[in-house]
Amino acid sequence: MAKTKGDKDRADRGGVLDRSPSHLLHRVLQLALDIYVEESGTGGVTQRQFAVLAAVAENEGVTQTGLVRATGIDRSTLADMVARMISKGHLERHRSDLDARANTVSLTEAGATVLEESRPKVAMADARILALLKPGKRAGFLELLAEMAASDVHAAEPEAKAKKLKAAKAPKAEKAPKKDKKPKKDKAAKKAA
């Protein structure tokens, strides 16, 4: 069956994509990052670098594992970022006093300066992003994002898998025997009657 112009118009309005949280979140993230770059400029720190600087400032002496939890940046990416930020002079790494296997991270004076210079630019980007919503929806939007960001999808997986496994192993309930129906008369018996 050939597609009509009306079908194309409906497809252009989104269809499945308009109802896909993953797609919509990706689009919003692209928009937010574009706004961030416009506000911070080409020479500014990236949004992720700002997140690392802000997390370190709020948790001076945090371990890299703590930074993973605070920022949501995966461990290997964060390790590379921290190494680059150390080479730029924004961060310092020290061996933890509590755990000789762990490293702690702290801001340098240059890192604190970069963070403070970035704060107004990030605030402007955030204001522009929120301005895309009606004022009455902004607080709820931030609450929903915070709730989603705090979710640990991997923690729920073992529980869901355990329930499925338990359901699969559980003995199926035996069906009650059917009540006897009146015996059917065979055709020969019907003719004789």
Protein backbone atom coordinates (compact mmCIF):
# COMPACT_ATOMS: atom_id res chain seq x y z
CA MET A 1 0.00 0.00 0.00
CA ALA A 2 1.46 3.36 -1.03
CA LYS A 3 1.92 6.08 1.58
CA THR A 4 -0.07 9.24 1.13
CA LYS A 5 0.93 12.81 1.88
CA GLY A 6 -1.21 12.58 5.05
CA ASP A 7 0.86 9.60 6.22
CA LYS A 8 4.05 11.59 5.71
CA ASP A 9 2.64 14.57 7.64
CA ARG A 10 1.73 12.29 10.57
CA ALA A 11 5.23 10.76 10.48
CA ASP A 12 6.78 14.24 10.50
CA ARG A 13 4.87 15.02 13.71
CA GLY A 14 6.70 12.16 15.42
CA GLY A 15 4.39 9.23 15.83
CA VAL A 16 6.31 6.60 17.80
CA LEU A 17 9.14 9.02 18.57
CA ASP A 18 6.75 11.48 20.23
CA ARG A 19 5.92 8.75 22.75
CA SER A 20 9.46 7.45 23.30
CA PRO A 21 10.97 8.69 26.58
CA SER A 22 14.48 7.65 25.51
CA HIS A 23 14.20 9.55 22.22
CA LEU A 24 12.66 12.64 23.81
CA LEU A 25 15.26 12.72 26.60
CA HIS A 26 18.01 12.43 23.99
CA ARG A 27 16.53 15.35 22.02
CA VAL A 28 16.21 17.46 25.18
CA LEU A 29 19.80 16.63 26.15
CA GLN A 30 21.01 17.76 22.71
CA LEU A 31 19.08 21.00 23.09
CA ALA A 32 20.39 21.56 26.63
CA LEU A 33 23.99 20.95 25.59
CA ASP A 34 23.65 23.33 22.64
CA ILE A 35 22.36 26.02 25.00
CA TYR A 36 25.17 25.26 27.45
CA VAL A 37 27.81 25.69 24.72
CA GLU A 38 26.22 28.98 23.57
CA GLU A 39 26.34 30.34 27.14
CA SER A 40 29.75 29.02 28.19
CA GLY A 41 31.53 29.78 24.95
CA THR A 42 33.97 27.65 23.02
CA GLY A 43 36.79 28.12 25.53
CA GLY A 44 34.72 27.29 28.59
CA VAL A 45 34.60 24.05 30.49
CA THR A 46 32.23 21.40 29.21
CA GLN A 47 29.05 20.57 31.08
CA ARG A 48 30.65 17.37 32.41
CA GLN A 49 33.81 19.20 33.50
CA PHE A 50 31.64 21.71 35.33
CA ALA A 51 29.79 18.83 37.02
CA VAL A 52 33.12 17.36 38.20
CA LEU A 53 34.41 20.71 39.47
CA ALA A 54 31.13 21.43 41.29
CA ALA A 55 31.00 17.92 42.81
CA VAL A 56 34.60 18.20 44.04
CA ALA A 57 33.92 21.67 45.48
CA GLU A 58 30.89 20.33 47.37
CA ASN A 59 32.77 17.22 48.58
CA GLU A 60 36.39 18.28 49.06
CA GLY A 61 38.63 15.21 49.17
CA VAL A 62 36.05 12.99 47.46
CA THR A 63 37.23 9.69 46.02
CA GLN A 64 36.88 9.01 42.33
CA THR A 65 34.24 6.41 43.22
CA GLY A 66 32.34 9.13 45.05
CA LEU A 67 32.64 11.34 41.97
CA VAL A 68 31.12 8.58 39.84
CA ARG A 69 28.12 8.50 42.22
CA ALA A 70 27.85 12.29 42.39
CA THR A 71 28.09 12.98 38.67
CA GLY A 72 26.76 9.84 37.00
CA ILE A 73 29.78 9.77 34.72
CA ASP A 74 31.04 6.22 34.16
CA ARG A 75 34.24 5.19 35.93
CA SER A 76 36.58 4.99 32.91
CA THR A 77 35.38 8.27 31.39
CA LEU A 78 35.67 9.99 34.75
CA ALA A 79 39.21 8.66 35.26
CA ASP A 80 40.23 10.12 31.88
CA MET A 81 38.52 13.43 32.66
CA VAL A 82 40.18 13.71 36.06
CA ALA A 83 43.58 12.97 34.49
CA ARG A 84 43.05 15.73 31.89
CA MET A 85 41.79 18.17 34.53
CA ILE A 86 44.86 17.42 36.66
CA SER A 87 47.12 18.13 33.66
CA LYS A 88 45.30 21.45 33.14
CA GLY A 89 45.91 22.31 36.80
CA HIS A 90 42.22 22.29 37.84
CA LEU A 91 42.37 19.26 40.14
CA GLU A 92 44.84 17.50 42.42
CA ARG A 93 44.85 13.81 43.22
CA HIS A 94 46.07 12.39 46.54
CA ARG A 95 46.17 8.94 48.10
CA SER A 96 43.26 8.56 50.52
CA ASP A 97 44.08 8.62 54.24
CA LEU A 98 41.27 6.15 54.87
CA ASP A 99 41.91 3.68 52.05
CA ALA A 100 45.39 3.30 50.56
CA ARG A 101 43.83 1.82 47.39
CA ALA A 102 41.69 4.91 46.73
CA ASN A 103 42.53 8.34 45.40
CA THR A 104 40.88 11.53 46.56
CA VAL A 105 40.42 14.58 44.39
CA SER A 106 40.46 18.23 45.36
CA LEU A 107 40.26 21.56 43.57
CA THR A 108 43.34 23.62 42.92
CA GLU A 109 43.19 27.38 43.15
CA ALA A 110 42.98 27.49 39.33
CA GLY A 111 40.14 24.93 39.40
CA ALA A 112 38.23 26.99 41.97
CA THR A 113 38.66 30.06 39.74
CA VAL A 114 37.40 28.21 36.65
CA LEU A 115 34.42 26.93 38.65
CA GLU A 116 33.49 30.41 39.90
CA GLU A 117 33.87 31.91 36.41
CA SER A 118 31.63 29.17 35.02
CA ARG A 119 28.80 29.40 37.58
CA PRO A 120 27.02 32.45 36.05
CA LYS A 121 27.26 30.96 32.56
CA VAL A 122 25.82 27.64 33.73
CA ALA A 123 23.08 29.48 35.63
CA MET A 124 22.16 31.35 32.43
CA ALA A 125 22.09 28.10 30.44
CA ASP A 126 19.87 26.50 33.10
CA ALA A 127 17.55 29.51 33.06
CA ARG A 128 17.26 29.32 29.26
CA ILE A 129 16.50 25.61 29.41
CA LEU A 130 13.80 26.08 32.05
CA ALA A 131 12.37 29.02 30.10
CA LEU A 132 11.35 26.51 27.43
CA LEU A 133 8.65 25.36 29.89
CA LYS A 134 5.69 27.23 31.30
CA PRO A 135 6.56 28.68 34.73
CA GLY A 136 4.10 26.40 36.53
CA LYS A 137 5.80 23.27 35.14
CA ARG A 138 9.42 24.10 35.94
CA ALA A 139 9.58 22.93 39.56
CA GLY A 140 7.80 19.67 38.74
CA PHE A 141 10.11 19.10 35.78
CA LEU A 142 13.19 19.49 37.99
CA GLU A 143 11.70 17.15 40.60
CA LEU A 144 11.01 14.49 37.96
CA LEU A 145 14.51 14.81 36.52
CA ALA A 146 16.05 14.55 40.00
CA GLU A 147 13.94 11.49 40.77
CA MET A 148 14.93 9.82 37.51
CA ALA A 149 18.61 10.73 37.96
CA ALA A 150 18.61 9.23 41.47
CA SER A 151 17.12 5.95 40.24
CA ASP A 152 19.38 2.95 40.10
CA VAL A 153 18.01 0.84 37.27
CA HIS A 154 20.61 -1.85 37.92
CA ALA A 155 19.50 -2.30 41.55
CA ALA A 156 15.98 -3.17 40.40
CA GLU A 157 17.14 -5.71 37.83
CA PRO A 158 18.12 -8.52 40.24
CA GLU A 159 14.80 -8.17 42.05
CA ALA A 160 12.83 -8.33 38.80
CA LYS A 161 14.91 -11.29 37.59
CA ALA A 162 14.34 -13.09 40.90
CA LYS A 163 10.58 -12.63 40.60
CA LYS A 164 10.59 -13.98 37.04
CA LEU A 165 12.74 -16.92 38.06
CA LYS A 166 10.53 -17.67 41.06
CA ALA A 167 7.42 -17.52 38.89
CA ALA A 168 8.99 -19.85 36.33
CA LYS A 169 10.00 -22.40 38.98
CA ALA A 170 6.74 -22.27 40.93
CA PRO A 171 4.57 -25.34 40.39
CA LYS A 172 1.57 -24.54 38.31
CA ALA A 173 -1.74 -24.88 40.04
CA GLU A 174 -3.48 -28.09 39.14
CA LYS A 175 -6.72 -27.67 37.31
CA ALA A 176 -9.79 -28.92 39.06
CA PRO A 177 -11.25 -31.96 37.36
CA LYS A 178 -14.07 -31.10 35.00
CA LYS A 179 -17.53 -32.06 36.03
CA ASP A 180 -18.84 -35.03 34.20
CA LYS A 181 -21.15 -34.01 31.46
CA LYS A 182 -24.06 -36.11 30.44
CA PRO A 183 -22.74 -38.94 28.35
CA LYS A 184 -23.22 -38.37 24.70
CA LYS A 185 -25.33 -40.85 22.92
CA ASP A 186 -23.76 -42.27 19.88
CA LYS A 187 -25.49 -41.85 16.53
CA ALA A 188 -26.76 -45.42 16.48
CA ALA A 189 -28.42 -44.97 19.87
CA LYS A 190 -30.06 -41.75 18.69
CA LYS A 191 -31.53 -43.48 15.60
CA ALA A 192 -32.88 -46.29 17.70
CA ALA A 193 -34.63 -43.92 20.05
